[in-house]
Amino acid sequence: MLYIIFMDMFSALGQPTRREIIELLAQKGQLSATDISQRFDMSAPAISQHLKVLHASNLVSVEKKAQQRLYKINPNAIEELDKWFRKLKKEWEERLDRLDILLKEEKRRRGVK
């Protein structure tokens, strides 16, 4: 099930405007849909669609306050992505370390310095 959630997150982050929205929320904290929309050169309905995708992928949470919808980053989702990246990085570092050992051993056997 986590795989499906990650796919949704990665799909959502695959679009540049949505990445910019995430960066904006990371810098500014909680913002209304109107505040977010005013920072982009596109229609409010287009930004609203991007926000819906980010919310559906669990990357942002939304709080309705009177007539406003306030968006903020979902730290739990970001933490899950971070854990996944760290795990992947660790696996690749271990593979590269094993390759390095193998190459050094091969050089030693061939007498290459």
N, C-alpha and C. Protein backbone atom coordinates (compact mmCIF):
# COMPACT_ATOMS: atom_id res chain seq x y z
N MET A 1 0.82 -1.20 0.00
CA MET A 1 0.00 0.00 0.00
C MET A 1 0.86 1.26 0.00
N LEU A 2 1.98 1.25 0.72
CA LEU A 2 2.87 2.41 0.72
C LEU A 2 3.34 2.73 -0.68
N TYR A 3 3.56 1.69 -1.50
CA TYR A 3 4.00 1.90 -2.88
C TYR A 3 2.99 2.76 -3.63
N ILE A 4 1.69 2.49 -3.46
CA ILE A 4 0.65 3.26 -4.14
C ILE A 4 0.69 4.71 -3.67
N ILE A 5 0.85 4.93 -2.39
CA ILE A 5 0.92 6.30 -1.86
C ILE A 5 2.12 7.02 -2.45
N PHE A 6 3.28 6.34 -2.49
CA PHE A 6 4.46 6.97 -3.06
C PHE A 6 4.25 7.31 -4.52
N MET A 7 3.61 6.42 -5.25
CA MET A 7 3.36 6.71 -6.67
C MET A 7 2.51 7.97 -6.79
N ASP A 8 1.50 8.08 -5.96
CA ASP A 8 0.67 9.28 -6.00
C ASP A 8 1.50 10.52 -5.68
N MET A 9 2.35 10.40 -4.67
CA MET A 9 3.20 11.54 -4.30
C MET A 9 4.15 11.89 -5.43
N PHE A 10 4.79 10.88 -6.00
CA PHE A 10 5.73 11.15 -7.09
C PHE A 10 5.02 11.69 -8.32
N SER A 11 3.84 11.17 -8.60
CA SER A 11 3.07 11.70 -9.73
C SER A 11 2.72 13.16 -9.49
N ALA A 12 2.31 13.45 -8.28
CA ALA A 12 1.95 14.83 -7.95
C ALA A 12 3.17 15.75 -8.08
N LEU A 13 4.31 15.27 -7.62
CA LEU A 13 5.52 16.09 -7.66
C LEU A 13 6.16 16.12 -9.05
N GLY A 14 5.66 15.32 -9.96
CA GLY A 14 6.19 15.30 -11.31
C GLY A 14 5.86 16.55 -12.11
N GLN A 15 4.93 17.34 -11.63
CA GLN A 15 4.51 18.55 -12.34
C GLN A 15 5.21 19.75 -11.71
N PRO A 16 5.90 20.58 -12.49
CA PRO A 16 6.68 21.70 -11.95
C PRO A 16 5.89 22.68 -11.09
N THR A 17 4.68 23.00 -11.48
CA THR A 17 3.89 23.96 -10.68
C THR A 17 3.62 23.40 -9.29
N ARG A 18 3.33 22.12 -9.21
CA ARG A 18 3.06 21.52 -7.90
C ARG A 18 4.32 21.50 -7.04
N ARG A 19 5.47 21.27 -7.66
CA ARG A 19 6.72 21.35 -6.88
C ARG A 19 6.93 22.76 -6.37
N GLU A 20 6.61 23.75 -7.19
CA GLU A 20 6.76 25.15 -6.76
C GLU A 20 5.80 25.46 -5.61
N ILE A 21 4.60 24.91 -5.67
CA ILE A 21 3.64 25.13 -4.57
C ILE A 21 4.19 24.52 -3.28
N ILE A 22 4.75 23.32 -3.36
CA ILE A 22 5.34 22.67 -2.18
C ILE A 22 6.48 23.54 -1.63
N GLU A 23 7.34 24.04 -2.52
CA GLU A 23 8.44 24.91 -2.08
C GLU A 23 7.91 26.17 -1.43
N LEU A 24 6.87 26.74 -2.00
CA LEU A 24 6.27 27.95 -1.44
C LEU A 24 5.73 27.68 -0.04
N LEU A 25 5.02 26.58 0.12
CA LEU A 25 4.48 26.24 1.44
C LEU A 25 5.60 25.92 2.43
N ALA A 26 6.69 25.35 1.96
CA ALA A 26 7.83 25.08 2.83
C ALA A 26 8.43 26.39 3.34
N GLN A 27 8.45 27.39 2.48
CA GLN A 27 9.02 28.69 2.86
C GLN A 27 8.07 29.52 3.71
N LYS A 28 6.81 29.51 3.35
CA LYS A 28 5.85 30.43 3.97
C LYS A 28 4.97 29.81 5.04
N GLY A 29 4.92 28.50 5.10
CA GLY A 29 4.02 27.85 6.05
C GLY A 29 2.63 27.74 5.48
N GLN A 30 1.64 28.00 6.27
CA GLN A 30 0.25 27.87 5.85
C GLN A 30 -0.17 29.06 5.00
N LEU A 31 -0.79 28.78 3.85
CA LEU A 31 -1.27 29.84 2.96
C LEU A 31 -2.66 29.50 2.45
N SER A 32 -3.42 30.52 2.16
CA SER A 32 -4.73 30.31 1.57
C SER A 32 -4.56 30.01 0.09
N ALA A 33 -5.58 29.41 -0.48
CA ALA A 33 -5.56 29.13 -1.92
C ALA A 33 -5.40 30.42 -2.70
N THR A 34 -6.00 31.49 -2.24
CA THR A 34 -5.89 32.79 -2.90
C THR A 34 -4.45 33.30 -2.86
N ASP A 35 -3.81 33.20 -1.69
CA ASP A 35 -2.41 33.63 -1.56
C ASP A 35 -1.51 32.83 -2.50
N ILE A 36 -1.76 31.54 -2.59
CA ILE A 36 -0.96 30.69 -3.47
C ILE A 36 -1.20 31.08 -4.92
N SER A 37 -2.45 31.23 -5.28
CA SER A 37 -2.82 31.56 -6.65
C SER A 37 -2.21 32.87 -7.12
N GLN A 38 -2.12 33.84 -6.24
CA GLN A 38 -1.58 35.15 -6.61
C GLN A 38 -0.09 35.11 -6.94
N ARG A 39 0.58 34.07 -6.56
CA ARG A 39 2.02 33.95 -6.81
C ARG A 39 2.35 33.25 -8.13
N PHE A 40 1.31 32.87 -8.87
CA PHE A 40 1.51 32.16 -10.13
C PHE A 40 0.82 32.89 -11.27
N ASP A 41 1.38 32.73 -12.44
CA ASP A 41 0.82 33.34 -13.64
C ASP A 41 -0.12 32.33 -14.32
N MET A 42 -1.16 31.95 -13.58
CA MET A 42 -2.19 31.07 -14.14
C MET A 42 -3.47 31.32 -13.37
N SER A 43 -4.55 30.81 -13.88
CA SER A 43 -5.86 31.09 -13.28
C SER A 43 -6.00 30.42 -11.91
N ALA A 44 -6.86 31.00 -11.11
CA ALA A 44 -7.15 30.44 -9.79
C ALA A 44 -7.71 29.02 -9.90
N PRO A 45 -8.61 28.74 -10.88
CA PRO A 45 -9.08 27.36 -11.01
C PRO A 45 -7.95 26.36 -11.34
N ALA A 46 -6.97 26.79 -12.13
CA ALA A 46 -5.84 25.91 -12.45
C ALA A 46 -5.04 25.60 -11.19
N ILE A 47 -4.78 26.62 -10.38
CA ILE A 47 -4.06 26.41 -9.11
C ILE A 47 -4.88 25.52 -8.19
N SER A 48 -6.18 25.74 -8.19
CA SER A 48 -7.06 24.91 -7.37
C SER A 48 -6.94 23.44 -7.75
N GLN A 49 -6.83 23.15 -9.03
CA GLN A 49 -6.67 21.77 -9.47
C GLN A 49 -5.33 21.19 -8.97
N HIS A 50 -4.28 22.00 -9.05
CA HIS A 50 -2.99 21.55 -8.54
C HIS A 50 -3.06 21.27 -7.04
N LEU A 51 -3.75 22.13 -6.32
CA LEU A 51 -3.89 21.93 -4.87
C LEU A 51 -4.70 20.66 -4.57
N LYS A 52 -5.70 20.38 -5.39
CA LYS A 52 -6.48 19.15 -5.20
C LYS A 52 -5.60 17.91 -5.38
N VAL A 53 -4.73 17.95 -6.38
CA VAL A 53 -3.83 16.81 -6.61
C VAL A 53 -2.88 16.65 -5.43
N LEU A 54 -2.31 17.76 -4.96
CA LEU A 54 -1.40 17.70 -3.81
C LEU A 54 -2.11 17.19 -2.56
N HIS A 55 -3.35 17.60 -2.39
CA HIS A 55 -4.13 17.13 -1.24
C HIS A 55 -4.47 15.65 -1.39
N ALA A 56 -4.88 15.24 -2.58
CA ALA A 56 -5.23 13.83 -2.82
C ALA A 56 -4.03 12.91 -2.63
N SER A 57 -2.84 13.43 -2.92
CA SER A 57 -1.62 12.62 -2.75
C SER A 57 -1.09 12.70 -1.32
N ASN A 58 -1.77 13.45 -0.47
CA ASN A 58 -1.44 13.55 0.95
C ASN A 58 -0.19 14.41 1.22
N LEU A 59 0.27 15.14 0.21
CA LEU A 59 1.44 16.00 0.41
C LEU A 59 1.09 17.28 1.16
N VAL A 60 -0.14 17.73 1.03
CA VAL A 60 -0.58 18.91 1.76
C VAL A 60 -1.88 18.58 2.49
N SER A 61 -2.10 19.31 3.55
CA SER A 61 -3.38 19.20 4.25
C SER A 61 -4.12 20.53 4.04
N VAL A 62 -5.41 20.47 4.18
CA VAL A 62 -6.23 21.66 3.98
C VAL A 62 -7.15 21.83 5.18
N GLU A 63 -7.28 23.07 5.58
CA GLU A 63 -8.16 23.41 6.70
C GLU A 63 -9.11 24.48 6.18
N LYS A 64 -10.40 24.23 6.37
CA LYS A 64 -11.37 25.22 5.94
C LYS A 64 -11.65 26.16 7.11
N LYS A 65 -11.42 27.44 6.86
CA LYS A 65 -11.62 28.46 7.89
C LYS A 65 -12.50 29.54 7.26
N ALA A 66 -13.77 29.58 7.69
CA ALA A 66 -14.77 30.48 7.09
C ALA A 66 -14.83 30.16 5.59
N GLN A 67 -14.57 31.14 4.75
CA GLN A 67 -14.62 30.93 3.30
C GLN A 67 -13.27 30.55 2.71
N GLN A 68 -12.25 30.52 3.53
CA GLN A 68 -10.90 30.23 3.03
C GLN A 68 -10.55 28.76 3.19
N ARG A 69 -9.70 28.32 2.29
CA ARG A 69 -9.08 27.02 2.44
C ARG A 69 -7.59 27.28 2.65
N LEU A 70 -7.09 26.84 3.79
CA LEU A 70 -5.69 27.05 4.15
C LEU A 70 -4.91 25.76 3.93
N TYR A 71 -3.82 25.89 3.20
CA TYR A 71 -3.01 24.73 2.84
C TYR A 71 -1.67 24.79 3.57
N LYS A 72 -1.20 23.61 3.95
CA LYS A 72 0.14 23.50 4.52
C LYS A 72 0.69 22.13 4.17
N ILE A 73 1.99 22.02 4.23
CA ILE A 73 2.64 20.75 3.93
C ILE A 73 2.29 19.73 5.00
N ASN A 74 2.08 18.51 4.58
CA ASN A 74 1.85 17.41 5.51
C ASN A 74 3.23 16.85 5.88
N PRO A 75 3.73 17.16 7.06
CA PRO A 75 5.08 16.71 7.43
C PRO A 75 5.22 15.19 7.47
N ASN A 76 4.14 14.48 7.78
CA ASN A 76 4.21 13.01 7.82
C ASN A 76 4.50 12.44 6.43
N ALA A 77 3.88 13.01 5.41
CA ALA A 77 4.11 12.55 4.04
C ALA A 77 5.55 12.83 3.62
N ILE A 78 6.03 14.01 3.96
CA ILE A 78 7.41 14.38 3.62
C ILE A 78 8.38 13.46 4.34
N GLU A 79 8.08 13.13 5.58
CA GLU A 79 8.93 12.22 6.35
C GLU A 79 8.96 10.83 5.72
N GLU A 80 7.81 10.36 5.25
CA GLU A 80 7.77 9.06 4.57
C GLU A 80 8.62 9.06 3.31
N LEU A 81 8.54 10.13 2.53
CA LEU A 81 9.38 10.26 1.34
C LEU A 81 10.86 10.27 1.73
N ASP A 82 11.17 11.02 2.78
CA ASP A 82 12.56 11.11 3.24
C ASP A 82 13.08 9.74 3.68
N LYS A 83 12.29 8.99 4.41
CA LYS A 83 12.69 7.65 4.84
C LYS A 83 12.96 6.76 3.63
N TRP A 84 12.09 6.84 2.64
CA TRP A 84 12.25 6.03 1.45
C TRP A 84 13.52 6.40 0.71
N PHE A 85 13.78 7.71 0.57
CA PHE A 85 15.00 8.15 -0.10
C PHE A 85 16.25 7.72 0.66
N ARG A 86 16.21 7.86 1.99
CA ARG A 86 17.36 7.46 2.80
C ARG A 86 17.64 5.96 2.67
N LYS A 87 16.57 5.16 2.65
CA LYS A 87 16.72 3.71 2.49
C LYS A 87 17.34 3.40 1.12
N LEU A 88 16.85 4.03 0.09
CA LEU A 88 17.37 3.82 -1.25
C LEU A 88 18.83 4.26 -1.34
N LYS A 89 19.15 5.40 -0.76
CA LYS A 89 20.53 5.90 -0.76
C LYS A 89 21.46 4.92 -0.04
N LYS A 90 21.02 4.40 1.10
CA LYS A 90 21.83 3.45 1.86
C LYS A 90 22.09 2.20 1.03
N GLU A 91 21.07 1.70 0.37
CA GLU A 91 21.24 0.50 -0.45
C GLU A 91 22.24 0.74 -1.57
N TRP A 92 22.16 1.90 -2.23
CA TRP A 92 23.10 2.20 -3.31
C TRP A 92 24.51 2.42 -2.79
N GLU A 93 24.65 3.06 -1.64
CA GLU A 93 25.98 3.26 -1.07
C GLU A 93 26.62 1.91 -0.73
N GLU A 94 25.82 0.99 -0.21
CA GLU A 94 26.34 -0.34 0.11
C GLU A 94 26.78 -1.06 -1.17
N ARG A 95 26.00 -0.96 -2.23
CA ARG A 95 26.36 -1.58 -3.50
C ARG A 95 27.64 -0.97 -4.05
N LEU A 96 27.74 0.34 -3.99
CA LEU A 96 28.94 1.01 -4.50
C LEU A 96 30.17 0.67 -3.66
N ASP A 97 29.98 0.54 -2.35
CA ASP A 97 31.09 0.14 -1.48
C ASP A 97 31.58 -1.26 -1.86
N ARG A 98 30.63 -2.18 -2.11
CA ARG A 98 31.02 -3.53 -2.51
C ARG A 98 31.74 -3.51 -3.85
N LEU A 99 31.28 -2.68 -4.77
CA LEU A 99 31.95 -2.56 -6.07
C LEU A 99 33.36 -2.01 -5.89
N ASP A 100 33.52 -1.02 -5.03
CA ASP A 100 34.83 -0.44 -4.77
C ASP A 100 35.79 -1.50 -4.23
N ILE A 101 35.31 -2.30 -3.30
CA ILE A 101 36.14 -3.38 -2.75
C ILE A 101 36.52 -4.36 -3.85
N LEU A 102 35.58 -4.72 -4.67
CA LEU A 102 35.83 -5.65 -5.77
C LEU A 102 36.86 -5.08 -6.75
N LEU A 103 36.73 -3.82 -7.09
CA LEU A 103 37.68 -3.19 -8.02
C LEU A 103 39.09 -3.11 -7.42
N LYS A 104 39.17 -2.77 -6.14
CA LYS A 104 40.48 -2.72 -5.48
C LYS A 104 41.12 -4.10 -5.44
N GLU A 105 40.30 -5.10 -5.17
CA GLU A 105 40.81 -6.47 -5.13
C GLU A 105 41.29 -6.89 -6.52
N GLU A 106 40.56 -6.54 -7.55
CA GLU A 106 40.93 -6.88 -8.91
C GLU A 106 42.23 -6.16 -9.30
N LYS A 107 42.39 -4.90 -8.94
CA LYS A 107 43.62 -4.16 -9.21
C LYS A 107 44.80 -4.82 -8.50
N ARG A 108 44.59 -5.21 -7.27
CA ARG A 108 45.65 -5.85 -6.48
C ARG A 108 46.08 -7.16 -7.14
N ARG A 109 45.11 -7.93 -7.59
CA ARG A 109 45.41 -9.22 -8.24
C ARG A 109 46.20 -9.01 -9.52
N ARG A 110 45.91 -7.94 -10.23
CA ARG A 110 46.59 -7.68 -11.51
C ARG A 110 47.88 -6.91 -11.31
N GLY A 111 48.13 -6.50 -10.08
CA GLY A 111 49.36 -5.75 -9.79
C GLY A 111 49.28 -4.31 -10.24
N VAL A 112 48.10 -3.76 -10.40
CA VAL A 112 47.93 -2.36 -10.82
C VAL A 112 47.88 -1.50 -9.59
N LYS A 113 48.60 -0.38 -9.68
CA LYS A 113 48.61 0.54 -8.54
C LYS A 113 47.69 1.69 -8.77
